[in-house]
C-alpha cells in the first residue's frame, strides 16, 4: 500500500512539473498577472482532480456491486475453503507419516484416497486407492467403495490429461 501512495505522489509531482516548469522559465521580473494566474491554475487543477477522485471515486466496497454474482459467490467460496484445504493438507501429511510406518493399513490408504480426492489431487488419489485395493481383504464390504473411488479417480486423471477440444 505504501508503494501505491508513493506512485501517486510521484505521478502528481511529475504532472505538476510538466505544467509549471515552462511557466517558470520566464524570468520572475517579466511575469505578468496572467502568467501567475496560469501558474496557480495549472498547479491547482491536477491537485484538485486528485482530491476529487479520492473523495468521490469508487472504492472497493462500491466496486463489489459491479462484480457478477457468480464471481462474487466463487470468491466467497474460495475464501471459505482455505481453512478446510489447510486442514486436509495437514491430515494428508499426518497420514503419509503414519503410512510410512504402517504401509499395510488399508483403511488409512482409503482415508488418504478420500483426502486426495477431496483436494482434487487425482493422480495421488489413484495411487492411494490402488494401494487400498491391493491391501483390502476380499471379503471386506469396503471393497465396492474402494473400487468405485479408484475408477472415478482414474477417470478424472484421464479427463485432465486428454486434450480438450
Protein backbone atom coordinates (compact mmCIF):
# COMPACT_ATOMS: atom_id res chain seq x y z
CA UNK A 1 0.00 0.00 0.00
CA UNK A 2 2.95 2.26 0.71
CA UNK A 3 4.20 1.82 -2.86
CA UNK A 4 0.74 2.81 -4.11
CA UNK A 5 0.85 6.16 -2.31
CA UNK A 6 4.44 6.73 -3.37
CA UNK A 7 3.47 6.16 -7.01
CA UNK A 8 0.52 8.57 -6.61
CA UNK A 9 2.73 11.28 -5.18
CA UNK A 10 5.38 10.80 -7.84
CA UNK A 11 2.83 10.99 -10.66
CA UNK A 12 1.32 14.18 -9.26
CA UNK A 13 4.76 15.76 -8.86
CA UNK A 14 5.73 14.89 -12.44
CA UNK A 15 2.42 16.23 -13.78
CA UNK A 16 2.83 19.48 -11.87
CA UNK A 17 6.43 19.90 -13.00
CA UNK A 18 5.49 19.33 -16.64
CA UNK A 19 2.97 22.15 -16.39
CA UNK A 20 4.83 24.53 -14.08
CA UNK A 21 8.41 24.38 -15.44
CA UNK A 22 7.62 26.04 -18.80
CA UNK A 23 5.88 28.86 -16.96
CA UNK A 24 8.82 29.35 -14.62
CA UNK A 25 11.32 29.64 -17.48
CA UNK A 26 10.38 33.26 -17.89
CA UNK A 27 12.26 35.45 -15.50
CA UNK A 28 10.26 36.47 -12.45
CA UNK A 29 10.59 40.16 -13.35
CA UNK A 30 8.80 39.65 -16.66
CA UNK A 31 5.91 37.62 -15.30
CA UNK A 32 2.58 39.22 -15.72
CA UNK A 33 -0.56 38.68 -13.75
CA UNK A 34 -1.82 36.27 -16.42
CA UNK A 35 1.28 34.06 -16.12
CA UNK A 36 0.98 33.98 -12.33
CA UNK A 37 -2.72 33.11 -12.66
CA UNK A 38 -1.88 30.31 -15.13
CA UNK A 39 0.85 29.03 -12.82
CA UNK A 40 -1.55 28.80 -9.90
CA UNK A 41 -4.33 27.32 -12.04
CA UNK A 42 -2.08 24.72 -13.63
CA UNK A 43 -0.87 23.66 -10.20
CA UNK A 44 -4.33 23.62 -8.63
CA UNK A 45 -6.08 21.65 -11.39
CA UNK A 46 -4.12 18.34 -11.04
CA UNK A 47 -4.20 18.60 -7.25
CA UNK A 48 -7.92 19.35 -7.30
CA UNK A 49 -8.58 16.47 -9.70
CA UNK A 50 -6.65 14.12 -7.46
CA UNK A 51 -8.55 15.31 -4.37
CA UNK A 52 -11.87 14.97 -6.21
CA UNK A 53 -11.04 11.44 -7.32
CA UNK A 54 -10.01 10.40 -3.82
CA UNK A 55 -13.15 11.91 -2.26
CA UNK A 56 -15.70 10.88 -4.86
CA UNK A 57 -14.06 7.96 -6.66
CA UNK A 58 -15.31 4.42 -6.33
CA UNK A 59 -13.80 2.40 -3.51
CA UNK A 60 -13.57 -1.38 -3.26
CA UNK A 61 -16.88 -1.76 -1.40
CA UNK A 62 -18.71 0.16 -4.12
CA UNK A 63 -16.95 -1.80 -6.86
CA UNK A 64 -18.15 -5.07 -5.34
CA UNK A 65 -21.64 -4.08 -6.55
CA UNK A 66 -20.45 -4.37 -10.15
CA UNK A 67 -18.92 -7.83 -9.75
CA UNK A 68 -21.05 -10.53 -11.26
CA UNK A 69 -22.91 -12.54 -8.61
CA UNK A 70 -21.28 -15.77 -9.81
CA UNK A 71 -17.80 -14.27 -9.46
CA UNK A 72 -18.59 -12.98 -6.00
CA UNK A 73 -20.00 -16.36 -4.96
CA UNK A 74 -16.89 -18.10 -6.31
CA UNK A 75 -14.63 -15.66 -4.42
CA UNK A 76 -16.56 -16.22 -1.18
CA UNK A 77 -16.45 -19.99 -1.69
CA UNK A 78 -12.68 -19.95 -2.20
CA UNK A 79 -12.28 -17.75 0.87
CA UNK A 80 -14.29 -20.20 2.99
CA UNK A 81 -12.48 -23.27 1.60
CA UNK A 82 -8.95 -22.12 2.53
CA UNK A 83 -9.12 -23.29 6.16
CA UNK A 84 -10.60 -26.63 5.05
CA UNK A 85 -7.84 -27.14 2.49
CA UNK A 86 -5.22 -26.35 5.10
CA UNK A 87 -6.76 -28.91 7.45
CA UNK A 88 -6.93 -31.51 4.67
CA UNK A 89 -3.28 -30.94 3.75
CA UNK A 90 -2.30 -31.28 7.41
CA UNK A 91 -4.25 -34.53 7.65
CA UNK A 92 -2.63 -35.81 4.43
CA UNK A 93 0.79 -35.08 5.90
CA UNK A 94 -0.03 -36.97 9.10
CA UNK A 95 -1.44 -39.92 7.17
CA UNK A 96 1.66 -40.09 4.99
CA UNK A 97 3.81 -40.22 8.13
CA UNK A 98 1.59 -42.93 9.59
CA UNK A 99 1.66 -44.95 6.35
CA UNK A 100 5.46 -44.82 6.25
CA UNK A 101 5.40 -46.80 9.50
CA UNK A 102 2.26 -48.88 8.75
CA UNK A 103 2.15 -49.46 4.98
CA UNK A 104 -0.35 -52.36 5.25
CA UNK A 105 -3.21 -50.37 6.81
CA UNK A 106 -5.79 -50.37 4.01
CA UNK A 107 -8.18 -48.13 5.95
CA UNK A 108 -5.52 -45.43 6.18
CA UNK A 109 -4.97 -45.75 2.42
CA UNK A 110 -8.74 -45.28 1.98
CA UNK A 111 -8.64 -42.14 4.11
CA UNK A 112 -5.71 -40.86 2.08
CA UNK A 113 -7.57 -41.58 -1.16
CA UNK A 114 -10.62 -39.68 0.13
CA UNK A 115 -8.48 -36.70 1.14
CA UNK A 116 -6.66 -36.60 -2.18
CA UNK A 117 -9.99 -36.82 -3.99
CA UNK A 118 -11.41 -34.02 -1.86
CA UNK A 119 -8.43 -31.79 -2.66
CA UNK A 120 -8.66 -32.73 -6.37
CA UNK A 121 -5.20 -34.28 -6.43
CA UNK A 122 -6.36 -37.07 -8.70
CA UNK A 123 -3.06 -38.78 -9.59
CA UNK A 124 -2.27 -39.19 -5.89
CA UNK A 125 -5.83 -40.32 -5.23
CA UNK A 126 -5.45 -43.05 -7.88
CA UNK A 127 -2.24 -44.25 -6.21
CA UNK A 128 -3.84 -44.30 -2.77
CA UNK A 129 -6.96 -46.12 -3.98
CA UNK A 130 -4.79 -48.61 -5.91
CA UNK A 131 -2.82 -49.37 -2.76
CA UNK A 132 -6.07 -49.74 -0.78
CA UNK A 133 -7.39 -52.19 -3.42
CA UNK A 134 -4.25 -54.27 -3.18
CA UNK A 135 -4.39 -54.46 0.63
CA UNK A 136 -8.14 -54.86 1.20
CA UNK A 137 -9.23 -58.38 2.15
CA UNK A 138 -11.54 -59.90 -0.50
CA UNK A 139 -14.45 -60.24 1.92
CA UNK A 140 -14.43 -56.62 3.09
CA UNK A 141 -17.62 -54.64 2.49
CA UNK A 142 -15.42 -51.62 1.79
CA UNK A 143 -14.09 -53.12 -1.45
CA UNK A 144 -17.01 -51.83 -3.56
CA UNK A 145 -16.44 -48.26 -2.35
CA UNK A 146 -12.70 -48.56 -2.93
CA UNK A 147 -13.22 -49.84 -6.48
CA UNK A 148 -15.75 -47.10 -7.27
CA UNK A 149 -13.45 -44.40 -5.97
CA UNK A 150 -10.43 -45.89 -7.74
CA UNK A 151 -12.17 -45.91 -11.13
CA UNK A 152 -13.64 -42.47 -10.50
CA UNK A 153 -10.21 -41.03 -9.76
CA UNK A 154 -8.73 -42.76 -12.82
CA UNK A 155 -11.48 -41.22 -14.94
CA UNK A 156 -10.65 -37.75 -13.57
CA UNK A 157 -6.95 -38.22 -14.33
CA UNK A 158 -7.77 -39.36 -17.86
CA UNK A 159 -10.05 -36.36 -18.43
CA UNK A 160 -7.38 -33.97 -17.16
CA UNK A 161 -4.62 -35.44 -19.31
CA UNK A 162 -6.64 -35.84 -22.52
CA UNK A 163 -6.60 -32.82 -24.86
CA UNK A 164 -9.69 -30.66 -24.61
CA UNK A 165 -11.37 -29.52 -27.88
